[in-house]
Amino acid sequence: METERQRLPEPEDEKPFDFQRFLDQLRHKSADSIARYLRSFLAEFSRSTWPVGDQVRIINDFLNFIYPKMRQTKPFSTLSDAEFDNAKEGMEKLIMSRLYTQTFSPAIAPSKLDPSHEEDLLRDKIIDEKLLLWSWIKGEHLDLDKEILNSSTIGKRFIGLAKKELAKINNYRAPRDKLICILNCCKVIFGMLRQLKIEGSADKFLPVLILIVIRTAPEHLNSNIQYIMRFRSPDRLNGEAGYYLSSLQGAISFIEALDRSSLTISDEDYEKNVEQCVAKLAERDKRYHNHTRSRKSSNASLSDLKSRSRNNSSASLPSARSLTPTLLDSAANISSLVTSFKSMTTKLWDFDTSSAINTTTDHYPSSRTTPKQPAMSEEQELTPTMLRIHELEQEEHKQATISLQEMFPVLSESTISDILVQKQDRIGEAVDACLSLVATSSQEPLQERASTPSRDGQGI
């Protein structure tokens, strides 16, 4: 057991990240200079199309430039080291959320893709096809332990929760949040192995992760991993996070290279399942090509209509010469970018920060409040959007409590709810806390609940 413990990553007790606190600090009047630097950088970055290598270098250079500036500027200069780490995380998240459509390969306009982005998308497509091709694989084909295959409620709940966490990866923009989805998925898997008391958990982990990836089949897996590796702070890719990210890469590599020799299955069953999935792939490709031809035909008709419309109305359009002063004015505005930001900071920042909150606050990996009803005086000030976010957080907290209570039946629902509140609904850390509580408890060994059919009707 000691050997196994040495091979597993040690859970990291990381302080909760509070993105809203960072936004409030950045709104502070004394932080105007930081806001201006940020706006200038985002505007300048967006003016050009950068190769991937340049994107990584430029963003890292700016972060390395802005962090010391923040340390010298109130309110950031008054923060403790831990609080300043929160601010650095917030800056990375804000920048990458804003530059997402220029840096995350599937979100980039086709005309602006560089060879590395195109390579990301090509590998995404290959992995998607592999996941469909192997979608019939079950636990016994990967030689999963009997304890996992025969488990009823507990094992299936863990598997379901791990799938749910991994499936969230495309809901987020920040590299940090995407990485947390991977972290949560892997922590749930390790939680299941320990809860079922399976020996050699580290060795049994990868086959379960492979099964989770096949069952979940999230889109853009390769692009998500490349995005995390490029734009997540390098010092945050060590230890536990780095271990789990490498594990996911290993699972994907296994799936890409998978063949008959990798599975425990008869030749007859293997050929039957593969033939069915190949037929599904062919049908999907056929529908895609038909849809593409239909769109091209519609676009051609629309283009012809627009062309005739332009010819009929060309006399009413302004000439290129008449547009020149406007273009010159725009050039002058660009050259005085920083100056214009200084006078517009307050007005624009109100708009931009609300936009940042809308794209990130409803995603719990970033920051989470306790699931209590707001006081009446506060509720009157909340916008309908904020109230809706609060309702969704409460519902998610409730569902997480139910799932964990079914996975840890010796713990009461109120105890698990308290753990989730303490961990700000971070599933991975909540699973770790539940495991620790069960391990130190003096109760009898866990007994599984009566067998109940899984929601999707599938076995593990």
Protein backbone atom coordinates (compact mmCIF):
# COMPACT_ATOMS: atom_id res chain seq x y z
CA MET A 1 0.00 0.00 0.00
CA GLU A 2 2.90 2.34 0.78
CA THR A 3 4.31 1.73 -2.72
CA GLU A 4 0.96 2.66 -4.23
CA ARG A 5 0.73 5.86 -2.18
CA GLN A 6 4.12 6.95 -3.47
CA ARG A 7 2.99 6.54 -7.06
CA LEU A 8 -0.16 8.59 -6.65
CA PRO A 9 -0.13 12.39 -6.83
CA GLU A 10 -0.62 14.03 -3.46
CA PRO A 11 -3.85 16.09 -3.28
CA GLU A 12 -3.05 19.78 -3.30
CA ASP A 13 -4.87 21.99 -0.80
CA GLU A 14 -5.33 25.00 -3.03
CA LYS A 15 -7.10 28.10 -1.78
CA PRO A 16 -10.41 28.82 -3.57
CA PHE A 17 -10.09 31.05 -6.61
CA ASP A 18 -12.29 34.16 -6.53
CA PHE A 19 -12.57 35.72 -9.98
CA GLN A 20 -15.15 38.26 -8.86
CA ARG A 21 -12.74 39.59 -6.23
CA PHE A 22 -10.11 40.11 -8.94
CA LEU A 23 -12.61 42.00 -11.12
CA ASP A 24 -13.53 44.22 -8.18
CA GLN A 25 -9.85 44.97 -7.57
CA LEU A 26 -9.33 45.78 -11.24
CA ARG A 27 -12.28 48.20 -11.15
CA HIS A 28 -10.61 50.14 -8.33
CA LYS A 29 -9.70 53.67 -9.38
CA SER A 30 -6.09 53.22 -8.30
CA ALA A 31 -5.81 50.28 -10.74
CA ASP A 32 -6.68 52.42 -13.80
CA SER A 33 -3.15 52.08 -15.17
CA ILE A 34 -3.40 48.26 -15.07
CA ALA A 35 -6.76 48.41 -16.84
CA ARG A 36 -5.27 50.64 -19.54
CA TYR A 37 -2.33 48.30 -20.09
CA LEU A 38 -4.77 45.40 -20.37
CA ARG A 39 -7.04 47.17 -22.84
CA SER A 40 -4.16 48.28 -24.99
CA PHE A 41 -2.76 44.75 -25.08
CA LEU A 42 -6.09 43.12 -25.98
CA ALA A 43 -6.72 45.67 -28.73
CA GLU A 44 -3.24 45.35 -30.23
CA PHE A 45 -3.28 41.53 -30.08
CA SER A 46 -6.62 41.44 -31.88
CA ARG A 47 -5.41 43.58 -34.78
CA SER A 48 -3.24 40.83 -36.26
CA THR A 49 -3.37 37.11 -36.93
CA TRP A 50 -0.54 35.46 -35.03
CA PRO A 51 1.02 32.00 -35.48
CA VAL A 52 0.60 29.77 -32.43
CA GLY A 53 4.20 30.18 -31.30
CA ASP A 54 3.91 33.96 -31.41
CA GLN A 55 0.59 33.86 -29.55
CA VAL A 56 2.15 31.93 -26.68
CA ARG A 57 5.20 34.19 -26.54
CA ILE A 58 3.23 37.46 -26.73
CA ILE A 59 0.73 36.45 -24.03
CA ASN A 60 3.45 35.16 -21.71
CA ASP A 61 5.50 38.32 -22.27
CA PHE A 62 2.52 40.49 -21.35
CA LEU A 63 1.75 38.48 -18.21
CA ASN A 64 5.40 38.67 -17.14
CA PHE A 65 5.23 42.42 -17.73
CA ILE A 66 1.91 43.10 -16.02
CA TYR A 67 2.43 41.05 -12.83
CA PRO A 68 5.24 43.28 -11.47
CA LYS A 69 3.19 46.35 -12.44
CA MET A 70 0.26 44.97 -10.47
CA ARG A 71 2.51 44.29 -7.47
CA GLN A 72 3.45 47.98 -7.42
CA THR A 73 -0.11 49.26 -7.84
CA LYS A 74 -2.93 49.47 -5.32
CA PRO A 75 -5.00 47.54 -4.41
CA PHE A 76 -2.75 44.68 -5.62
CA SER A 77 0.30 46.04 -3.77
CA THR A 78 -1.45 45.53 -0.42
CA LEU A 79 -2.34 41.87 -1.02
CA SER A 80 -0.74 38.90 0.70
CA ASP A 81 1.15 36.40 -1.46
CA ALA A 82 -1.85 34.07 -1.54
CA GLU A 83 -4.21 36.91 -2.46
CA PHE A 84 -1.85 38.09 -5.18
CA ASP A 85 -1.77 34.55 -6.61
CA ASN A 86 -5.55 34.89 -6.90
CA ALA A 87 -5.08 38.16 -8.82
CA LYS A 88 -2.56 36.55 -11.18
CA GLU A 89 -4.99 33.71 -11.83
CA GLY A 90 -7.70 36.28 -12.50
CA MET A 91 -5.56 38.17 -15.00
CA GLU A 92 -4.74 34.97 -16.91
CA LYS A 93 -8.39 33.97 -16.96
CA LEU A 94 -9.62 37.38 -18.10
CA ILE A 95 -7.07 37.61 -20.92
CA MET A 96 -7.67 34.10 -22.23
CA SER A 97 -11.45 34.48 -22.00
CA ARG A 98 -11.20 37.59 -24.20
CA LEU A 99 -8.75 36.04 -26.67
CA TYR A 100 -10.52 32.67 -26.82
CA THR A 101 -11.77 33.06 -30.39
CA GLN A 102 -8.22 33.80 -31.52
CA THR A 103 -6.36 31.14 -29.53
CA PHE A 104 -8.62 28.07 -29.17
CA SER A 105 -8.38 26.28 -32.51
CA PRO A 106 -12.07 25.20 -32.90
CA ALA A 107 -13.22 28.78 -32.12
CA ILE A 108 -10.95 30.50 -34.67
CA ALA A 109 -12.39 31.67 -38.00
CA PRO A 110 -11.23 29.34 -40.83
CA SER A 111 -9.50 32.19 -42.65
CA LYS A 112 -7.31 32.89 -39.60
CA LEU A 113 -6.11 29.36 -38.88
CA ASP A 114 -2.37 28.79 -38.98
CA PRO A 115 -0.83 25.32 -39.67
CA SER A 116 -0.69 24.42 -35.97
CA HIS A 117 -4.37 25.30 -35.50
CA GLU A 118 -5.25 23.23 -38.57
CA GLU A 119 -3.23 20.33 -37.17
CA ASP A 120 -5.20 20.61 -33.90
CA LEU A 121 -8.48 20.36 -35.79
CA LEU A 122 -7.29 17.46 -37.93
CA ARG A 123 -6.30 15.46 -34.86
CA ASP A 124 -9.61 16.40 -33.21
CA LYS A 125 -11.40 14.84 -36.18
CA ILE A 126 -9.27 11.68 -36.03
CA ILE A 127 -9.92 11.29 -32.30
CA ASP A 128 -13.66 11.92 -32.78
CA GLU A 129 -13.79 9.14 -35.39
CA LYS A 130 -11.84 6.80 -33.13
CA LEU A 131 -14.20 7.51 -30.23
CA LEU A 132 -17.18 6.67 -32.43
CA LEU A 133 -15.44 3.57 -33.79
CA TRP A 134 -14.80 2.27 -30.25
CA SER A 135 -18.04 3.51 -28.66
CA TRP A 136 -19.20 -0.08 -28.08
CA ILE A 137 -16.29 -0.92 -25.76
CA LYS A 138 -17.20 -1.94 -22.20
CA GLY A 139 -15.22 -2.40 -19.03
CA GLU A 140 -14.62 -6.11 -19.54
CA HIS A 141 -12.97 -5.42 -22.90
CA LEU A 142 -10.35 -3.35 -21.04
CA ASP A 143 -9.93 -5.94 -18.26
CA LEU A 144 -11.37 -3.70 -15.57
CA ASP A 145 -11.45 -5.26 -12.11
CA LYS A 146 -14.46 -7.36 -11.18
CA GLU A 147 -15.08 -5.01 -8.25
CA ILE A 148 -15.75 -2.24 -10.76
CA LEU A 149 -17.66 -4.37 -13.28
CA ASN A 150 -19.90 -5.94 -10.64
CA SER A 151 -20.50 -2.78 -8.61
CA SER A 152 -24.05 -1.57 -8.69
CA THR A 153 -24.94 1.87 -7.40
CA ILE A 154 -21.62 3.15 -6.09
CA GLY A 155 -19.43 2.32 -9.09
CA LYS A 156 -21.96 3.60 -11.61
CA ARG A 157 -22.42 6.83 -9.68
CA PHE A 158 -18.69 7.44 -9.66
CA ILE A 159 -18.44 6.64 -13.39
CA GLY A 160 -21.39 8.93 -14.15
CA LEU A 161 -19.92 11.80 -12.14
CA ALA A 162 -16.50 11.41 -13.79
CA LYS A 163 -18.14 11.53 -17.24
CA LYS A 164 -20.11 14.61 -16.25
CA GLU A 165 -16.99 16.46 -15.10
CA LEU A 166 -15.01 15.64 -18.25
CA ALA A 167 -17.95 16.60 -20.48
CA LYS A 168 -17.84 20.14 -19.04
CA ILE A 169 -14.46 20.88 -20.61
CA ASN A 170 -15.97 22.67 -23.61
CA ASN A 171 -18.16 24.88 -21.40
CA TYR A 172 -15.22 27.00 -20.29
CA ARG A 173 -12.82 29.43 -21.91
CA ALA A 174 -9.98 29.79 -19.42
CA PRO A 175 -7.20 27.16 -19.50
CA ARG A 176 -7.45 26.94 -15.71
CA ASP A 177 -11.13 26.00 -15.83
CA LYS A 178 -10.60 23.40 -18.57
CA LEU A 179 -7.79 21.85 -16.53
CA ILE A 180 -10.02 21.69 -13.45
CA CYS A 181 -12.56 19.63 -15.43
CA ILE A 182 -9.80 17.09 -16.12
CA LEU A 183 -8.65 17.25 -12.49
CA ASN A 184 -12.17 16.66 -11.16
CA CYS A 185 -12.76 13.73 -13.52
CA CYS A 186 -9.52 12.03 -12.46
CA LYS A 187 -10.08 12.67 -8.75
CA VAL A 188 -13.52 11.06 -8.99
CA ILE A 189 -11.96 7.99 -10.62
CA PHE A 190 -9.35 7.67 -7.87
CA GLY A 191 -12.13 8.19 -5.34
CA MET A 192 -14.04 5.25 -6.82
CA LEU A 193 -10.99 2.97 -6.75
CA ARG A 194 -10.31 3.79 -3.11
CA GLN A 195 -13.97 3.56 -2.12
CA LEU A 196 -14.22 0.10 -3.70
CA LYS A 197 -10.94 -0.81 -1.96
CA ILE A 198 -9.25 -1.93 -5.17
CA GLU A 199 -5.58 -2.84 -4.70
CA GLY A 200 -3.00 -1.04 -6.82
CA SER A 201 -5.28 1.91 -7.58
CA ALA A 202 -2.59 3.74 -9.56
CA ASP A 203 -2.28 0.85 -12.03
CA LYS A 204 -6.06 0.49 -12.36
CA PHE A 205 -6.60 4.21 -12.93
CA LEU A 206 -5.67 4.49 -16.62
CA PRO A 207 -8.03 1.74 -17.93
CA VAL A 208 -10.93 3.43 -16.12
CA LEU A 209 -9.95 6.83 -17.54
CA ILE A 210 -9.81 5.30 -21.04
CA LEU A 211 -13.34 3.96 -20.56
CA ILE A 212 -14.53 7.36 -19.29
CA VAL A 213 -13.07 9.13 -22.34
CA ILE A 214 -14.71 6.64 -24.72
CA ARG A 215 -18.07 6.87 -22.94
CA THR A 216 -18.01 10.67 -22.72
CA ALA A 217 -16.52 11.33 -26.19
CA PRO A 218 -16.12 15.09 -25.63
CA GLU A 219 -15.45 17.16 -28.74
CA HIS A 220 -12.12 18.87 -29.42
CA LEU A 221 -10.14 16.78 -26.93
CA ASN A 222 -6.79 17.41 -28.57
CA SER A 223 -7.48 21.13 -29.04
CA ASN A 224 -8.40 21.45 -25.37
CA ILE A 225 -5.19 19.76 -24.25
CA GLN A 226 -3.04 21.86 -26.60
CA TYR A 227 -4.80 25.03 -25.43
CA ILE A 228 -4.10 24.17 -21.78
CA MET A 229 -0.46 23.35 -22.46
CA ARG A 230 0.08 26.54 -24.45
CA PHE A 231 -1.69 29.08 -22.30
CA ARG A 232 -1.86 27.72 -18.75
CA SER A 233 0.88 29.13 -16.55
CA PRO A 234 3.77 26.59 -16.71
CA ASP A 235 4.23 26.55 -12.93
CA ARG A 236 0.59 25.44 -12.63
CA LEU A 237 1.22 22.35 -14.80
CA ASN A 238 3.35 20.59 -12.19
CA GLY A 239 2.38 18.13 -9.47
CA GLU A 240 -1.15 16.84 -9.34
CA ALA A 241 -2.47 18.84 -12.31
CA GLY A 242 0.44 17.79 -14.52
CA TYR A 243 0.00 14.13 -13.53
CA TYR A 244 -3.67 14.10 -14.48
CA LEU A 245 -3.11 16.02 -17.72
CA SER A 246 -0.41 13.52 -18.74
CA SER A 247 -2.78 10.68 -17.83
CA LEU A 248 -5.45 12.06 -20.16
CA GLN A 249 -2.88 12.38 -22.94
CA GLY A 250 -1.91 8.76 -22.33
CA ALA A 251 -5.55 7.66 -22.52
CA ILE A 252 -6.03 9.49 -25.82
CA SER A 253 -2.85 7.99 -27.28
CA PHE A 254 -4.09 4.52 -26.30
CA ILE A 255 -7.44 5.13 -28.00
CA GLU A 256 -5.73 6.39 -31.17
CA ALA A 257 -3.56 3.26 -31.38
CA LEU A 258 -6.25 0.83 -30.22
CA ASP A 259 -6.81 -2.38 -32.20
CA ARG A 260 -8.05 -5.94 -31.74
CA SER A 261 -4.92 -6.99 -29.85
CA SER A 262 -5.56 -4.33 -27.17
CA LEU A 263 -8.93 -5.79 -26.18
CA THR A 264 -10.26 -8.89 -24.49
CA ILE A 265 -12.97 -9.94 -26.96
CA SER A 266 -13.76 -12.69 -29.45
CA ASP A 267 -12.96 -12.14 -33.13
CA GLU A 268 -16.63 -12.51 -34.03
CA ASP A 269 -17.85 -9.87 -31.57
CA TYR A 270 -15.00 -7.54 -32.49
CA GLU A 271 -15.76 -7.67 -36.23
CA LYS A 272 -19.50 -7.25 -35.67
CA ASN A 273 -19.10 -4.18 -33.47
CA VAL A 274 -16.51 -2.55 -35.74
CA GLU A 275 -18.64 -3.12 -38.85
CA GLN A 276 -21.63 -1.45 -37.19
CA CYS A 277 -19.56 1.59 -36.19
CA VAL A 278 -17.92 1.87 -39.61
CA ALA A 279 -21.41 1.97 -41.13
CA LYS A 280 -22.36 4.77 -38.69
CA LEU A 281 -19.25 6.73 -39.67
CA ALA A 282 -20.06 6.34 -43.38
CA GLU A 283 -23.64 7.50 -42.79
CA ARG A 284 -22.43 10.50 -40.78
CA ASP A 285 -19.97 11.50 -43.51
CA LYS A 286 -22.68 11.16 -46.13
CA ARG A 287 -25.02 13.47 -44.20
CA TYR A 288 -22.18 15.96 -43.72
CA HIS A 289 -21.31 16.07 -47.44
CA ASN A 290 -24.98 16.43 -48.41
CA HIS A 291 -25.34 19.29 -45.93
CA THR A 292 -22.18 20.96 -47.27
CA ARG A 293 -23.38 20.74 -50.88
CA SER A 294 -26.75 22.18 -49.87
CA ARG A 295 -25.08 25.12 -48.11
CA LYS A 296 -22.81 25.81 -51.08
CA SER A 297 -25.83 25.86 -53.39
CA SER A 298 -27.69 28.25 -51.08
CA ASN A 299 -24.64 30.48 -50.72
CA ALA A 300 -24.22 30.65 -54.50
CA SER A 301 -27.82 31.79 -54.93
CA LEU A 302 -27.42 34.34 -52.15
CA SER A 303 -24.17 35.62 -53.65
CA ASP A 304 -25.84 36.10 -57.04
CA LEU A 305 -28.71 37.98 -55.41
CA LYS A 306 -26.30 40.25 -53.52
CA SER A 307 -24.32 40.92 -56.68
CA ARG A 308 -27.40 42.06 -58.57
CA SER A 309 -28.44 44.17 -55.60
CA ARG A 310 -25.03 45.89 -55.52
CA ASN A 311 -25.17 46.61 -59.24
CA ASN A 312 -28.62 48.15 -58.94
CA SER A 313 -27.67 50.38 -56.02
CA SER A 314 -24.04 51.25 -56.82
CA ALA A 315 -24.94 54.82 -57.72
CA SER A 316 -26.13 55.47 -54.19
CA LEU A 317 -22.97 54.12 -52.54
CA PRO A 318 -20.20 56.53 -51.45
CA SER A 319 -17.04 56.45 -53.54
CA ALA A 320 -13.72 55.21 -52.21
CA ARG A 321 -12.43 58.80 -52.33
CA SER A 322 -15.25 59.99 -50.07
CA LEU A 323 -14.37 57.30 -47.51
CA THR A 324 -10.70 58.35 -47.26
CA PRO A 325 -11.15 60.95 -44.47
CA THR A 326 -12.94 58.35 -42.35
CA LEU A 327 -10.11 55.86 -42.82
CA LEU A 328 -7.54 58.53 -41.96
CA ASP A 329 -9.48 59.38 -38.81
CA SER A 330 -9.45 55.69 -37.85
CA ALA A 331 -5.68 55.54 -38.33
CA ALA A 332 -5.27 58.57 -36.10
CA ASN A 333 -7.45 56.96 -33.47
CA ILE A 334 -5.31 53.81 -33.52
CA SER A 335 -2.09 55.81 -33.08
CA SER A 336 -3.51 57.46 -29.97
CA LEU A 337 -4.92 54.25 -28.53
CA VAL A 338 -3.51 54.54 -25.01
CA THR A 339 -4.59 58.18 -24.67
CA SER A 340 -8.14 57.41 -25.74
CA PHE A 341 -8.29 54.51 -23.27
CA LYS A 342 -7.42 56.89 -20.43
CA SER A 343 -10.52 59.00 -20.98
CA MET A 344 -12.79 56.04 -21.74
CA THR A 345 -11.66 53.61 -19.04
CA THR A 346 -14.54 54.08 -16.62
CA LYS A 347 -17.29 53.82 -19.21
CA LEU A 348 -15.81 50.89 -21.12
CA TRP A 349 -14.78 49.00 -18.03
CA ASP A 350 -18.39 48.82 -16.79
CA PHE A 351 -19.28 47.12 -20.07
CA ASP A 352 -16.26 44.85 -20.25
CA THR A 353 -16.38 43.54 -16.70
CA SER A 354 -20.04 42.66 -16.99
CA SER A 355 -19.17 40.79 -20.17
CA ALA A 356 -16.41 38.92 -18.36
CA ILE A 357 -18.79 37.93 -15.58
CA ASN A 358 -21.38 36.68 -18.07
CA THR A 359 -18.84 34.40 -19.71
CA THR A 360 -17.28 33.00 -16.57
CA THR A 361 -19.22 33.44 -13.36
CA ASP A 362 -21.77 30.74 -14.17
CA HIS A 363 -18.92 28.25 -14.42
CA TYR A 364 -18.12 26.92 -11.00
CA PRO A 365 -14.45 25.95 -11.52
CA SER A 366 -13.59 29.65 -11.32
CA SER A 367 -15.31 30.73 -8.15
CA ARG A 368 -18.28 29.70 -6.11
CA THR A 369 -20.45 31.14 -3.37
CA THR A 370 -22.20 29.12 -0.72
CA PRO A 371 -25.65 27.96 -1.80
CA LYS A 372 -27.64 30.18 0.54
CA GLN A 373 -30.50 32.42 -0.45
CA PRO A 374 -29.34 36.05 -0.67
CA ALA A 375 -30.72 38.44 1.93
CA MET A 376 -33.69 40.48 0.81
CA SER A 377 -31.71 43.72 0.67
CA GLU A 378 -29.13 42.03 -1.57
CA GLU A 379 -31.71 40.28 -3.70
CA GLN A 380 -33.31 43.58 -4.63
CA GLU A 381 -29.99 44.68 -6.11
CA LEU A 382 -29.35 41.48 -8.09
CA THR A 383 -30.06 41.45 -11.81
CA PRO A 384 -32.26 38.70 -13.31
CA THR A 385 -29.11 37.15 -14.81
CA MET A 386 -27.37 37.02 -11.43
CA LEU A 387 -30.45 35.52 -9.81
CA ARG A 388 -30.60 32.87 -12.54
CA ILE A 389 -26.92 32.07 -11.99
CA HIS A 390 -27.61 31.72 -8.25
CA GLU A 391 -30.51 29.34 -8.95
CA LEU A 392 -28.35 27.22 -11.25
CA GLU A 393 -25.62 27.06 -8.60
CA GLN A 394 -28.14 25.92 -6.00
CA GLU A 395 -29.46 23.21 -8.33
CA GLU A 396 -25.94 22.04 -9.16
CA HIS A 397 -25.08 21.94 -5.45
CA LYS A 398 -28.20 19.86 -4.79
CA GLN A 399 -27.38 17.38 -7.57
CA ALA A 400 -23.77 17.08 -6.42
CA THR A 401 -24.96 16.41 -2.86
CA ILE A 402 -27.27 13.64 -4.05
CA SER A 403 -24.56 12.03 -6.20
CA LEU A 404 -21.93 12.09 -3.44
CA GLN A 405 -24.40 10.81 -0.83
CA GLU A 406 -25.14 7.81 -3.05
CA MET A 407 -21.40 7.21 -3.50
CA PHE A 408 -20.68 7.62 0.23
CA PRO A 409 -23.83 6.19 1.87
CA VAL A 410 -22.30 6.19 5.39
CA LEU A 411 -22.13 9.98 5.26
CA SER A 412 -25.31 11.93 5.85
CA GLU A 413 -26.69 14.29 3.23
CA SER A 414 -26.16 17.28 5.52
CA THR A 415 -22.51 16.30 6.10
CA ILE A 416 -21.86 16.06 2.37
CA SER A 417 -23.65 19.36 1.77
CA ASP A 418 -21.41 21.00 4.38
CA ILE A 419 -18.32 19.53 2.69
CA LEU A 420 -19.42 20.91 -0.68
CA VAL A 421 -20.00 24.34 0.85
CA GLN A 422 -16.57 24.26 2.50
CA LYS A 423 -14.95 23.21 -0.79
CA GLN A 424 -17.06 25.71 -2.78
CA ASP A 425 -18.66 22.86 -4.77
CA ARG A 426 -15.33 21.73 -6.22
CA ILE A 427 -16.13 18.08 -6.89
CA GLY A 428 -12.57 16.77 -6.90
CA GLU A 429 -11.74 18.24 -3.49
CA ALA A 430 -15.13 17.19 -2.09
CA VAL A 431 -14.44 13.58 -3.11
CA ASP A 432 -11.04 13.74 -1.39
CA ALA A 433 -12.66 15.11 1.77
CA CYS A 434 -15.36 12.41 1.78
CA LEU A 435 -12.72 9.70 1.37
CA SER A 436 -10.71 11.08 4.27
CA LEU A 437 -13.80 11.27 6.46
CA VAL A 438 -14.80 7.70 5.65
CA ALA A 439 -11.25 6.42 6.23
CA THR A 440 -11.03 7.98 9.69
CA SER A 441 -14.53 7.00 10.74
CA SER A 442 -15.05 4.14 13.19
CA GLN A 443 -18.05 2.75 11.30
CA GLU A 444 -18.19 -0.67 9.69
CA PRO A 445 -16.88 -1.12 6.11
CA LEU A 446 -19.13 0.35 3.48
CA GLN A 447 -21.93 -1.77 2.09
CA GLU A 448 -23.37 -1.01 -1.31
CA ARG A 449 -26.99 -0.14 -1.64
CA ALA A 450 -29.44 -2.47 -3.31
CA SER A 451 -28.78 -2.81 -7.00
CA THR A 452 -30.68 -0.36 -9.15
CA PRO A 453 -30.64 -0.07 -12.94
CA SER A 454 -28.43 2.70 -14.29
CA ARG A 455 -30.15 5.66 -15.91
CA ASP A 456 -28.75 4.93 -19.37
CA GLY A 457 -29.36 1.20 -19.10
CA GLN A 458 -25.68 0.42 -19.76
CA GLY A 459 -23.36 -1.73 -17.74
CA ILE A 460 -19.95 -0.52 -16.78
